[in-house]
Amino acid sequence: GKSMELGVSEDMLSRVFDGLGHPIDGGPEILPDERRDINGLPMNPAAR
């Protein structure tokens, strides 16, 4: 019932992930602040 999402947080800095967003550097899983659809939303041209 959902498309692919990525859990995002500032803790992602200094980390290495595989192509699907899973940590591969031996560190712990990220505790996300929020989960976002990876397809994103187009930026409104007038807001650029």
ModelCIF file with pLDDT and N, C-alpha, C, O atoms, coordinates in Angstrom:
data_MODEL
#
_entry.id   MODEL 
#
_entity.id                         1 
_entity.type                       polymer 
_entity.pdbx_number_of_molecules   1 
#
_entity_poly.entity_id                      1 
_entity_poly.type                           'polypeptide(L)' 
_entity_poly.nstd_linkage                   no 
_entity_poly.nstd_monomer                   no 
_entity_poly.pdbx_seq_one_letter_code       GKSMELGVSEDMLSRVFDGLGHPIDGGPEILPDERRDINGLPMNPAAR 
_entity_poly.pdbx_seq_one_letter_code_can   GKSMELGVSEDMLSRVFDGLGHPIDGGPEILPDERRDINGLPMNPAAR 
_entity_poly.pdbx_strand_id                 A 
#
loop_
_entity_poly_seq.entity_id 
_entity_poly_seq.num 
_entity_poly_seq.mon_id 
_entity_poly_seq.hetero 
1 1  GLY n 
1 2  LYS n 
1 3  SER n 
1 4  MET n 
1 5  GLU n 
1 6  LEU n 
1 7  GLY n 
1 8  VAL n 
1 9  SER n 
1 10 GLU n 
1 11 ASP n 
1 12 MET n 
1 13 LEU n 
1 14 SER n 
1 15 ARG n 
1 16 VAL n 
1 17 PHE n 
1 18 ASP n 
1 19 GLY n 
1 20 LEU n 
1 21 GLY n 
1 22 HIS n 
1 23 PRO n 
1 24 ILE n 
1 25 ASP n 
1 26 GLY n 
1 27 GLY n 
1 28 PRO n 
1 29 GLU n 
1 30 ILE n 
1 31 LEU n 
1 32 PRO n 
1 33 ASP n 
1 34 GLU n 
1 35 ARG n 
1 36 ARG n 
1 37 ASP n 
1 38 ILE n 
1 39 ASN n 
1 40 GLY n 
1 41 LEU n 
1 42 PRO n 
1 43 MET n 
1 44 ASN n 
1 45 PRO n 
1 46 ALA n 
1 47 ALA n 
1 48 ARG n 
#
_struct_asym.id          A 
_struct_asym.entity_id   1 
#
loop_
_ma_qa_metric.id 
_ma_qa_metric.mode 
_ma_qa_metric.name 
_ma_qa_metric.software_group_id 
_ma_qa_metric.type 
1 global pLDDT . pLDDT 
2 local  pLDDT . pLDDT 
#
_ma_qa_metric_global.metric_id      1 
_ma_qa_metric_global.metric_value   91.46 
_ma_qa_metric_global.model_id       1 
_ma_qa_metric_global.ordinal_id     1 
#
loop_
_ma_qa_metric_local.label_asym_id 
_ma_qa_metric_local.label_comp_id 
_ma_qa_metric_local.label_seq_id 
_ma_qa_metric_local.metric_id 
_ma_qa_metric_local.metric_value 
_ma_qa_metric_local.model_id 
_ma_qa_metric_local.ordinal_id 
A GLY 1  2 89.00 1 1  
A LYS 2  2 90.00 1 2  
A SER 3  2 89.00 1 3  
A MET 4  2 90.00 1 4  
A GLU 5  2 91.00 1 5  
A LEU 6  2 94.00 1 6  
A GLY 7  2 94.00 1 7  
A VAL 8  2 96.00 1 8  
A SER 9  2 95.00 1 9  
A GLU 10 2 94.00 1 10 
A ASP 11 2 95.00 1 11 
A MET 12 2 95.00 1 12 
A LEU 13 2 95.00 1 13 
A SER 14 2 94.00 1 14 
A ARG 15 2 95.00 1 15 
A VAL 16 2 95.00 1 16 
A PHE 17 2 96.00 1 17 
A ASP 18 2 93.00 1 18 
A GLY 19 2 91.00 1 19 
A LEU 20 2 89.00 1 20 
A GLY 21 2 92.00 1 21 
A HIS 22 2 92.00 1 22 
A PRO 23 2 94.00 1 23 
A ILE 24 2 93.00 1 24 
A ASP 25 2 93.00 1 25 
A GLY 26 2 91.00 1 26 
A GLY 27 2 91.00 1 27 
A PRO 28 2 93.00 1 28 
A GLU 29 2 93.00 1 29 
A ILE 30 2 93.00 1 30 
A LEU 31 2 94.00 1 31 
A PRO 32 2 94.00 1 32 
A ASP 33 2 95.00 1 33 
A GLU 34 2 94.00 1 34 
A ARG 35 2 94.00 1 35 
A ARG 36 2 94.00 1 36 
A ASP 37 2 92.00 1 37 
A ILE 38 2 93.00 1 38 
A ASN 39 2 90.00 1 39 
A GLY 40 2 86.00 1 40 
A LEU 41 2 78.00 1 41 
A PRO 42 2 76.00 1 42 
A MET 43 2 81.00 1 43 
A ASN 44 2 84.00 1 44 
A PRO 45 2 88.00 1 45 
A ALA 46 2 91.00 1 46 
A ALA 47 2 90.00 1 47 
A ARG 48 2 91.00 1 48 
#
loop_
_atom_site.group_PDB 
_atom_site.id 
_atom_site.type_symbol 
_atom_site.label_atom_id 
_atom_site.label_alt_id 
_atom_site.label_comp_id 
_atom_site.label_asym_id 
_atom_site.label_entity_id 
_atom_site.label_seq_id 
_atom_site.pdbx_PDB_ins_code 
_atom_site.Cartn_x 
_atom_site.Cartn_y 
_atom_site.Cartn_z 
_atom_site.occupancy 
_atom_site.B_iso_or_equiv 
_atom_site.pdbx_formal_charge 
_atom_site.auth_seq_id 
_atom_site.auth_comp_id 
_atom_site.auth_asym_id 
_atom_site.auth_atom_id 
_atom_site.pdbx_PDB_model_num 
ATOM 1   N N  . GLY A 1 1  ? 0.789  -1.237 0.000   1.00 89.00 ? 1  GLY A N  1 
ATOM 2   C CA . GLY A 1 1  ? 0.000  0.000  0.000   1.00 89.00 ? 1  GLY A CA 1 
ATOM 3   C C  . GLY A 1 1  ? 0.819  1.284  0.000   1.00 89.00 ? 1  GLY A C  1 
ATOM 4   O O  . GLY A 1 1  ? 0.295  2.359  0.293   1.00 89.00 ? 1  GLY A O  1 
ATOM 5   N N  . LYS A 1 2  ? 2.100  1.174  -0.328  1.00 90.00 ? 2  LYS A N  1 
ATOM 6   C CA . LYS A 1 2  ? 2.938  2.386  -0.353  1.00 90.00 ? 2  LYS A CA 1 
ATOM 7   C C  . LYS A 1 2  ? 4.057  2.157  -1.361  1.00 90.00 ? 2  LYS A C  1 
ATOM 8   O O  . LYS A 1 2  ? 4.406  1.017  -1.667  1.00 90.00 ? 2  LYS A O  1 
ATOM 9   N N  . SER A 1 3  ? 4.615  3.249  -1.873  1.00 89.00 ? 3  SER A N  1 
ATOM 10  C CA . SER A 1 3  ? 5.775  3.103  -2.762  1.00 89.00 ? 3  SER A CA 1 
ATOM 11  C C  . SER A 1 3  ? 7.032  3.115  -1.889  1.00 89.00 ? 3  SER A C  1 
ATOM 12  O O  . SER A 1 3  ? 6.948  3.224  -0.666  1.00 89.00 ? 3  SER A O  1 
ATOM 13  N N  . MET A 1 4  ? 8.186  3.002  -2.524  1.00 90.00 ? 4  MET A N  1 
ATOM 14  C CA . MET A 1 4  ? 9.418  2.882  -1.741  1.00 90.00 ? 4  MET A CA 1 
ATOM 15  C C  . MET A 1 4  ? 9.713  4.162  -0.966  1.00 90.00 ? 4  MET A C  1 
ATOM 16  O O  . MET A 1 4  ? 9.586  5.265  -1.496  1.00 90.00 ? 4  MET A O  1 
ATOM 17  N N  . GLU A 1 5  ? 10.105 4.002  0.290   1.00 91.00 ? 5  GLU A N  1 
ATOM 18  C CA . GLU A 1 5  ? 10.370 5.154  1.156   1.00 91.00 ? 5  GLU A CA 1 
ATOM 19  C C  . GLU A 1 5  ? 11.773 5.056  1.745   1.00 91.00 ? 5  GLU A C  1 
ATOM 20  O O  . GLU A 1 5  ? 12.365 3.979  1.822   1.00 91.00 ? 5  GLU A O  1 
ATOM 21  N N  . LEU A 1 6  ? 12.284 6.208  2.157   1.00 94.00 ? 6  LEU A N  1 
ATOM 22  C CA . LEU A 1 6  ? 13.579 6.259  2.843   1.00 94.00 ? 6  LEU A CA 1 
ATOM 23  C C  . LEU A 1 6  ? 13.376 6.958  4.180   1.00 94.00 ? 6  LEU A C  1 
ATOM 24  O O  . LEU A 1 6  ? 12.804 8.046  4.243   1.00 94.00 ? 6  LEU A O  1 
ATOM 25  N N  . GLY A 1 7  ? 13.847 6.327  5.239   1.00 94.00 ? 7  GLY A N  1 
ATOM 26  C CA . GLY A 1 7  ? 13.814 6.973  6.550   1.00 94.00 ? 7  GLY A CA 1 
ATOM 27  C C  . GLY A 1 7  ? 14.957 7.974  6.635   1.00 94.00 ? 7  GLY A C  1 
ATOM 28  O O  . GLY A 1 7  ? 16.122 7.600  6.502   1.00 94.00 ? 7  GLY A O  1 
ATOM 29  N N  . VAL A 1 8  ? 14.629 9.256  6.858   1.00 96.00 ? 8  VAL A N  1 
ATOM 30  C CA . VAL A 1 8  ? 15.660 10.300 6.825   1.00 96.00 ? 8  VAL A CA 1 
ATOM 31  C C  . VAL A 1 8  ? 15.886 10.903 8.212   1.00 96.00 ? 8  VAL A C  1 
ATOM 32  O O  . VAL A 1 8  ? 14.969 11.009 9.026   1.00 96.00 ? 8  VAL A O  1 
ATOM 33  N N  . SER A 1 9  ? 17.137 11.292 8.448   1.00 95.00 ? 9  SER A N  1 
ATOM 34  C CA . SER A 1 9  ? 17.511 11.892 9.730   1.00 95.00 ? 9  SER A CA 1 
ATOM 35  C C  . SER A 1 9  ? 18.884 12.524 9.540   1.00 95.00 ? 9  SER A C  1 
ATOM 36  O O  . SER A 1 9  ? 19.619 12.158 8.623   1.00 95.00 ? 9  SER A O  1 
ATOM 37  N N  . GLU A 1 10 ? 19.230 13.474 10.407  1.00 94.00 ? 10 GLU A N  1 
ATOM 38  C CA . GLU A 1 10 ? 20.568 14.075 10.323  1.00 94.00 ? 10 GLU A CA 1 
ATOM 39  C C  . GLU A 1 10 ? 21.657 13.055 10.652  1.00 94.00 ? 10 GLU A C  1 
ATOM 40  O O  . GLU A 1 10 ? 22.825 13.263 10.324  1.00 94.00 ? 10 GLU A O  1 
ATOM 41  N N  . ASP A 1 11 ? 21.274 11.952 11.300  1.00 95.00 ? 11 ASP A N  1 
ATOM 42  C CA . ASP A 1 11 ? 22.244 10.902 11.635  1.00 95.00 ? 11 ASP A CA 1 
ATOM 43  C C  . ASP A 1 11 ? 22.784 10.200 10.392  1.00 95.00 ? 11 ASP A C  1 
ATOM 44  O O  . ASP A 1 11 ? 23.727 9.414  10.484  1.00 95.00 ? 11 ASP A O  1 
ATOM 45  N N  . MET A 1 12 ? 22.187 10.481 9.219   1.00 95.00 ? 12 MET A N  1 
ATOM 46  C CA . MET A 1 12 ? 22.680 9.849  7.984   1.00 95.00 ? 12 MET A CA 1 
ATOM 47  C C  . MET A 1 12 ? 24.064 10.363 7.609   1.00 95.00 ? 12 MET A C  1 
ATOM 48  O O  . MET A 1 12 ? 24.811 9.674  6.915   1.00 95.00 ? 12 MET A O  1 
ATOM 49  N N  . LEU A 1 13 ? 24.415 11.567 8.062   1.00 95.00 ? 13 LEU A N  1 
ATOM 50  C CA . LEU A 1 13 ? 25.742 12.111 7.750   1.00 95.00 ? 13 LEU A CA 1 
ATOM 51  C C  . LEU A 1 13 ? 26.826 11.197 8.309   1.00 95.00 ? 13 LEU A C  1 
ATOM 52  O O  . LEU A 1 13 ? 26.710 10.689 9.424   1.00 95.00 ? 13 LEU A O  1 
ATOM 53  N N  . SER A 1 14 ? 27.862 10.997 7.536   1.00 94.00 ? 14 SER A N  1 
ATOM 54  C CA . SER A 1 14 ? 29.023 10.142 7.862   1.00 94.00 ? 14 SER A CA 1 
ATOM 55  C C  . SER A 1 14 ? 28.707 8.653  7.749   1.00 94.00 ? 14 SER A C  1 
ATOM 56  O O  . SER A 1 14 ? 29.473 7.820  8.233   1.00 94.00 ? 14 SER A O  1 
ATOM 57  N N  . ARG A 1 15 ? 27.574 8.308  7.108   1.00 95.00 ? 15 ARG A N  1 
ATOM 58  C CA . ARG A 1 15 ? 27.214 6.897  6.977   1.00 95.00 ? 15 ARG A CA 1 
ATOM 59  C C  . ARG A 1 15 ? 27.272 6.437  5.514   1.00 95.00 ? 15 ARG A C  1 
ATOM 60  O O  . ARG A 1 15 ? 27.187 7.242  4.587   1.00 95.00 ? 15 ARG A O  1 
ATOM 61  N N  . VAL A 1 16 ? 27.420 5.110  5.336   1.00 95.00 ? 16 VAL A N  1 
ATOM 62  C CA . VAL A 1 16 ? 27.456 4.501  3.995   1.00 95.00 ? 16 VAL A CA 1 
ATOM 63  C C  . VAL A 1 16 ? 26.277 3.529  3.884   1.00 95.00 ? 16 VAL A C  1 
ATOM 64  O O  . VAL A 1 16 ? 26.082 2.670  4.744   1.00 95.00 ? 16 VAL A O  1 
ATOM 65  N N  . PHE A 1 17 ? 25.489 3.684  2.799   1.00 96.00 ? 17 PHE A N  1 
ATOM 66  C CA . PHE A 1 17 ? 24.303 2.849  2.592   1.00 96.00 ? 17 PHE A CA 1 
ATOM 67  C C  . PHE A 1 17 ? 24.421 2.105  1.266   1.00 96.00 ? 17 PHE A C  1 
ATOM 68  O O  . PHE A 1 17 ? 25.196 2.491  0.391   1.00 96.00 ? 17 PHE A O  1 
ATOM 69  N N  . ASP A 1 18 ? 23.636 1.026  1.130   1.00 93.00 ? 18 ASP A N  1 
ATOM 70  C CA . ASP A 1 18 ? 23.558 0.387  -0.194  1.00 93.00 ? 18 ASP A CA 1 
ATOM 71  C C  . ASP A 1 18 ? 22.564 1.169  -1.043  1.00 93.00 ? 18 ASP A C  1 
ATOM 72  O O  . ASP A 1 18 ? 22.055 2.206  -0.618  1.00 93.00 ? 18 ASP A O  1 
ATOM 73  N N  . GLY A 1 19 ? 22.289 0.663  -2.249  1.00 91.00 ? 19 GLY A N  1 
ATOM 74  C CA . GLY A 1 19 ? 21.443 1.403  -3.177  1.00 91.00 ? 19 GLY A CA 1 
ATOM 75  C C  . GLY A 1 19 ? 19.996 1.527  -2.736  1.00 91.00 ? 19 GLY A C  1 
ATOM 76  O O  . GLY A 1 19 ? 19.244 2.321  -3.302  1.00 91.00 ? 19 GLY A O  1 
ATOM 77  N N  . LEU A 1 20 ? 19.591 0.751  -1.726  1.00 89.00 ? 20 LEU A N  1 
ATOM 78  C CA . LEU A 1 20 ? 18.207 0.823  -1.243  1.00 89.00 ? 20 LEU A CA 1 
ATOM 79  C C  . LEU A 1 20 ? 18.117 1.449  0.147   1.00 89.00 ? 20 LEU A C  1 
ATOM 80  O O  . LEU A 1 20 ? 17.081 1.369  0.807   1.00 89.00 ? 20 LEU A O  1 
ATOM 81  N N  . GLY A 1 21 ? 19.216 2.073  0.585   1.00 92.00 ? 21 GLY A N  1 
ATOM 82  C CA . GLY A 1 21 ? 19.154 2.827  1.833   1.00 92.00 ? 21 GLY A CA 1 
ATOM 83  C C  . GLY A 1 21 ? 19.396 2.018  3.095   1.00 92.00 ? 21 GLY A C  1 
ATOM 84  O O  . GLY A 1 21 ? 19.053 2.467  4.189   1.00 92.00 ? 21 GLY A O  1 
ATOM 85  N N  . HIS A 1 22 ? 19.992 0.814  2.963   1.00 92.00 ? 22 HIS A N  1 
ATOM 86  C CA . HIS A 1 22 ? 20.330 0.030  4.161   1.00 92.00 ? 22 HIS A CA 1 
ATOM 87  C C  . HIS A 1 22 ? 21.795 0.262  4.508   1.00 92.00 ? 22 HIS A C  1 
ATOM 88  O O  . HIS A 1 22 ? 22.641 0.240  3.614   1.00 92.00 ? 22 HIS A O  1 
ATOM 89  N N  . PRO A 1 23 ? 22.123 0.485  5.798   1.00 94.00 ? 23 PRO A N  1 
ATOM 90  C CA . PRO A 1 23 ? 23.533 0.745  6.165   1.00 94.00 ? 23 PRO A CA 1 
ATOM 91  C C  . PRO A 1 23 ? 24.428 -0.448 5.820   1.00 94.00 ? 23 PRO A C  1 
ATOM 92  O O  . PRO A 1 23 ? 24.070 -1.599 6.071   1.00 94.00 ? 23 PRO A O  1 
ATOM 93  N N  . ILE A 1 24 ? 25.598 -0.155 5.238   1.00 93.00 ? 24 ILE A N  1 
ATOM 94  C CA . ILE A 1 24 ? 26.548 -1.237 4.920   1.00 93.00 ? 24 ILE A CA 1 
ATOM 95  C C  . ILE A 1 24 ? 27.918 -0.942 5.526   1.00 93.00 ? 24 ILE A C  1 
ATOM 96  O O  . ILE A 1 24 ? 28.922 -1.533 5.129   1.00 93.00 ? 24 ILE A O  1 
ATOM 97  N N  . ASP A 1 25 ? 27.949 -0.004 6.509   1.00 93.00 ? 25 ASP A N  1 
ATOM 98  C CA . ASP A 1 25 ? 29.237 0.370  7.102   1.00 93.00 ? 25 ASP A CA 1 
ATOM 99  C C  . ASP A 1 25 ? 29.436 -0.267 8.477   1.00 93.00 ? 25 ASP A C  1 
ATOM 100 O O  . ASP A 1 25 ? 30.354 0.096  9.212   1.00 93.00 ? 25 ASP A O  1 
ATOM 101 N N  . GLY A 1 26 ? 28.562 -1.223 8.814   1.00 91.00 ? 26 GLY A N  1 
ATOM 102 C CA . GLY A 1 26 ? 28.706 -1.885 10.117  1.00 91.00 ? 26 GLY A CA 1 
ATOM 103 C C  . GLY A 1 26 ? 28.067 -1.123 11.261  1.00 91.00 ? 26 GLY A C  1 
ATOM 104 O O  . GLY A 1 26 ? 28.056 -1.604 12.394  1.00 91.00 ? 26 GLY A O  1 
ATOM 105 N N  . GLY A 1 27 ? 27.533 0.061  10.982  1.00 91.00 ? 27 GLY A N  1 
ATOM 106 C CA . GLY A 1 27 ? 26.896 0.862  12.031  1.00 91.00 ? 27 GLY A CA 1 
ATOM 107 C C  . GLY A 1 27 ? 25.439 0.456  12.232  1.00 91.00 ? 27 GLY A C  1 
ATOM 108 O O  . GLY A 1 27 ? 24.920 -0.392 11.506  1.00 91.00 ? 27 GLY A O  1 
ATOM 109 N N  . PRO A 1 28 ? 24.780 1.064  13.218  1.00 93.00 ? 28 PRO A N  1 
ATOM 110 C CA . PRO A 1 28 ? 23.383 0.701  13.507  1.00 93.00 ? 28 PRO A CA 1 
ATOM 111 C C  . PRO A 1 28 ? 22.424 1.247  12.451  1.00 93.00 ? 28 PRO A C  1 
ATOM 112 O O  . PRO A 1 28 ? 22.779 2.126  11.666  1.00 93.00 ? 28 PRO A O  1 
ATOM 113 N N  . GLU A 1 29 ? 21.207 0.712  12.446  1.00 93.00 ? 29 GLU A N  1 
ATOM 114 C CA . GLU A 1 29 ? 20.151 1.254  11.588  1.00 93.00 ? 29 GLU A CA 1 
ATOM 115 C C  . GLU A 1 29 ? 19.875 2.706  11.982  1.00 93.00 ? 29 GLU A C  1 
ATOM 116 O O  . GLU A 1 29 ? 20.052 3.086  13.139  1.00 93.00 ? 29 GLU A O  1 
ATOM 117 N N  . ILE A 1 30 ? 19.444 3.504  11.020  1.00 93.00 ? 30 ILE A N  1 
ATOM 118 C CA . ILE A 1 30 ? 19.083 4.900  11.291  1.00 93.00 ? 30 ILE A CA 1 
ATOM 119 C C  . ILE A 1 30 ? 17.708 4.948  11.949  1.00 93.00 ? 30 ILE A C  1 
ATOM 120 O O  . ILE A 1 30 ? 16.782 4.272  11.501  1.00 93.00 ? 30 ILE A O  1 
ATOM 121 N N  . LEU A 1 31 ? 17.568 5.748  13.016  1.00 94.00 ? 31 LEU A N  1 
ATOM 122 C CA . LEU A 1 31 ? 16.242 5.997  13.590  1.00 94.00 ? 31 LEU A CA 1 
ATOM 123 C C  . LEU A 1 31 ? 15.680 7.231  12.887  1.00 94.00 ? 31 LEU A C  1 
ATOM 124 O O  . LEU A 1 31 ? 16.109 8.349  13.174  1.00 94.00 ? 31 LEU A O  1 
ATOM 125 N N  . PRO A 1 32 ? 14.714 7.047  11.960  1.00 94.00 ? 32 PRO A N  1 
ATOM 126 C CA . PRO A 1 32 ? 14.321 8.177  11.114  1.00 94.00 ? 32 PRO A CA 1 
ATOM 127 C C  . PRO A 1 32 ? 13.473 9.213  11.835  1.00 94.00 ? 32 PRO A C  1 
ATOM 128 O O  . PRO A 1 32 ? 12.653 8.880  12.692  1.00 94.00 ? 32 PRO A O  1 
ATOM 129 N N  . ASP A 1 33 ? 13.685 10.490 11.470  1.00 95.00 ? 33 ASP A N  1 
ATOM 130 C CA . ASP A 1 33 ? 12.793 11.565 11.920  1.00 95.00 ? 33 ASP A CA 1 
ATOM 131 C C  . ASP A 1 33 ? 11.480 11.475 11.167  1.00 95.00 ? 33 ASP A C  1 
ATOM 132 O O  . ASP A 1 33 ? 10.412 11.761 11.709  1.00 95.00 ? 33 ASP A O  1 
ATOM 133 N N  . GLU A 1 34 ? 11.580 11.065 9.888   1.00 94.00 ? 34 GLU A N  1 
ATOM 134 C CA . GLU A 1 34 ? 10.367 10.867 9.089   1.00 94.00 ? 34 GLU A CA 1 
ATOM 135 C C  . GLU A 1 34 ? 10.701 9.916  7.945   1.00 94.00 ? 34 GLU A C  1 
ATOM 136 O O  . GLU A 1 34 ? 11.868 9.669  7.640   1.00 94.00 ? 34 GLU A O  1 
ATOM 137 N N  . ARG A 1 35 ? 9.653  9.391  7.320   1.00 94.00 ? 35 ARG A N  1 
ATOM 138 C CA . ARG A 1 35 ? 9.850  8.526  6.147   1.00 94.00 ? 35 ARG A CA 1 
ATOM 139 C C  . ARG A 1 35 ? 9.331  9.269  4.926   1.00 94.00 ? 35 ARG A C  1 
ATOM 140 O O  . ARG A 1 35 ? 8.232  9.824  4.949   1.00 94.00 ? 35 ARG A O  1 
ATOM 141 N N  . ARG A 1 36 ? 10.131 9.278  3.852   1.00 94.00 ? 36 ARG A N  1 
ATOM 142 C CA . ARG A 1 36 ? 9.753  10.047 2.658   1.00 94.00 ? 36 ARG A CA 1 
ATOM 143 C C  . ARG A 1 36 ? 9.700  9.152  1.426   1.00 94.00 ? 36 ARG A C  1 
ATOM 144 O O  . ARG A 1 36 ? 10.535 8.264  1.250   1.00 94.00 ? 36 ARG A O  1 
ATOM 145 N N  . ASP A 1 37 ? 8.713  9.398  0.584   1.00 92.00 ? 37 ASP A N  1 
ATOM 146 C CA . ASP A 1 37 ? 8.619  8.721  -0.705  1.00 92.00 ? 37 ASP A CA 1 
ATOM 147 C C  . ASP A 1 37 ? 9.848  9.120  -1.530  1.00 92.00 ? 37 ASP A C  1 
ATOM 148 O O  . ASP A 1 37 ? 10.154 10.305 -1.663  1.00 92.00 ? 37 ASP A O  1 
ATOM 149 N N  . ILE A 1 38 ? 10.547 8.125  -2.080  1.00 93.00 ? 38 ILE A N  1 
ATOM 150 C CA . ILE A 1 38 ? 11.812 8.453  -2.765  1.00 93.00 ? 38 ILE A CA 1 
ATOM 151 C C  . ILE A 1 38 ? 11.586 9.158  -4.102  1.00 93.00 ? 38 ILE A C  1 
ATOM 152 O O  . ILE A 1 38 ? 12.528 9.713  -4.667  1.00 93.00 ? 38 ILE A O  1 
ATOM 153 N N  . ASN A 1 39 ? 10.351 9.145  -4.617  1.00 90.00 ? 39 ASN A N  1 
ATOM 154 C CA . ASN A 1 39 ? 10.100 9.822  -5.894  1.00 90.00 ? 39 ASN A CA 1 
ATOM 155 C C  . ASN A 1 39 ? 9.999  11.328 -5.730  1.00 90.00 ? 39 ASN A C  1 
ATOM 156 O O  . ASN A 1 39 ? 10.044 12.069 -6.711  1.00 90.00 ? 39 ASN A O  1 
ATOM 157 N N  . GLY A 1 40 ? 9.861  11.788 -4.467  1.00 86.00 ? 40 GLY A N  1 
ATOM 158 C CA . GLY A 1 40 ? 9.870  13.225 -4.194  1.00 86.00 ? 40 GLY A CA 1 
ATOM 159 C C  . GLY A 1 40 ? 8.689  13.947 -4.821  1.00 86.00 ? 40 GLY A C  1 
ATOM 160 O O  . GLY A 1 40 ? 7.830  13.337 -5.457  1.00 86.00 ? 40 GLY A O  1 
ATOM 161 N N  . LEU A 1 41 ? 8.666  15.242 -4.630  1.00 78.00 ? 41 LEU A N  1 
ATOM 162 C CA . LEU A 1 41 ? 7.635  16.090 -5.220  1.00 78.00 ? 41 LEU A CA 1 
ATOM 163 C C  . LEU A 1 41 ? 8.319  17.110 -6.115  1.00 78.00 ? 41 LEU A C  1 
ATOM 164 O O  . LEU A 1 41 ? 9.352  17.660 -5.735  1.00 78.00 ? 41 LEU A O  1 
ATOM 165 N N  . PRO A 1 42 ? 7.767  17.378 -7.298  1.00 76.00 ? 42 PRO A N  1 
ATOM 166 C CA . PRO A 1 42 ? 8.416  18.374 -8.158  1.00 76.00 ? 42 PRO A CA 1 
ATOM 167 C C  . PRO A 1 42 ? 8.427  19.745 -7.487  1.00 76.00 ? 42 PRO A C  1 
ATOM 168 O O  . PRO A 1 42 ? 7.482  20.123 -6.794  1.00 76.00 ? 42 PRO A O  1 
ATOM 169 N N  . MET A 1 43 ? 9.523  20.485 -7.709  1.00 81.00 ? 43 MET A N  1 
ATOM 170 C CA . MET A 1 43 ? 9.626  21.820 -7.121  1.00 81.00 ? 43 MET A CA 1 
ATOM 171 C C  . MET A 1 43 ? 8.811  22.789 -7.980  1.00 81.00 ? 43 MET A C  1 
ATOM 172 O O  . MET A 1 43 ? 8.958  22.812 -9.202  1.00 81.00 ? 43 MET A O  1 
ATOM 173 N N  . ASN A 1 44 ? 7.966  23.573 -7.352  1.00 84.00 ? 44 ASN A N  1 
ATOM 174 C CA . ASN A 1 44 ? 7.174  24.564 -8.077  1.00 84.00 ? 44 ASN A CA 1 
ATOM 175 C C  . ASN A 1 44 ? 8.123  25.569 -8.737  1.00 84.00 ? 44 ASN A C  1 
ATOM 176 O O  . ASN A 1 44 ? 8.919  26.201 -8.042  1.00 84.00 ? 44 ASN A O  1 
ATOM 177 N N  . PRO A 1 45 ? 8.055  25.730 -10.066 1.00 88.00 ? 45 PRO A N  1 
ATOM 178 C CA . PRO A 1 45 ? 8.989  26.661 -10.732 1.00 88.00 ? 45 PRO A CA 1 
ATOM 179 C C  . PRO A 1 45 ? 8.924  28.077 -10.156 1.00 88.00 ? 45 PRO A C  1 
ATOM 180 O O  . PRO A 1 45 ? 9.935  28.776 -10.102 1.00 88.00 ? 45 PRO A O  1 
ATOM 181 N N  . ALA A 1 46 ? 7.729  28.495 -9.725  1.00 91.00 ? 46 ALA A N  1 
ATOM 182 C CA . ALA A 1 46 ? 7.596  29.849 -9.181  1.00 91.00 ? 46 ALA A CA 1 
ATOM 183 C C  . ALA A 1 46 ? 8.265  29.994 -7.820  1.00 91.00 ? 46 ALA A C  1 
ATOM 184 O O  . ALA A 1 46 ? 8.548  31.107 -7.377  1.00 91.00 ? 46 ALA A O  1 
ATOM 185 N N  . ALA A 1 47 ? 8.520  28.846 -7.149  1.00 90.00 ? 47 ALA A N  1 
ATOM 186 C CA . ALA A 1 47 ? 9.144  28.903 -5.825  1.00 90.00 ? 47 ALA A CA 1 
ATOM 187 C C  . ALA A 1 47 ? 10.672 28.804 -5.911  1.00 90.00 ? 47 ALA A C  1 
ATOM 188 O O  . ALA A 1 47 ? 11.365 28.877 -4.896  1.00 90.00 ? 47 ALA A O  1 
ATOM 189 N N  . ARG A 1 48 ? 11.187 28.636 -7.134  1.00 91.00 ? 48 ARG A N  1 
ATOM 190 C CA . ARG A 1 48 ? 12.643 28.494 -7.284  1.00 91.00 ? 48 ARG A CA 1 
ATOM 191 C C  . ARG A 1 48 ? 13.329 29.849 -7.132  1.00 91.00 ? 48 ARG A C  1 
ATOM 192 O O  . ARG A 1 48 ? 14.554 29.934 -7.226  1.00 91.00 ? 48 ARG A O  1 
#
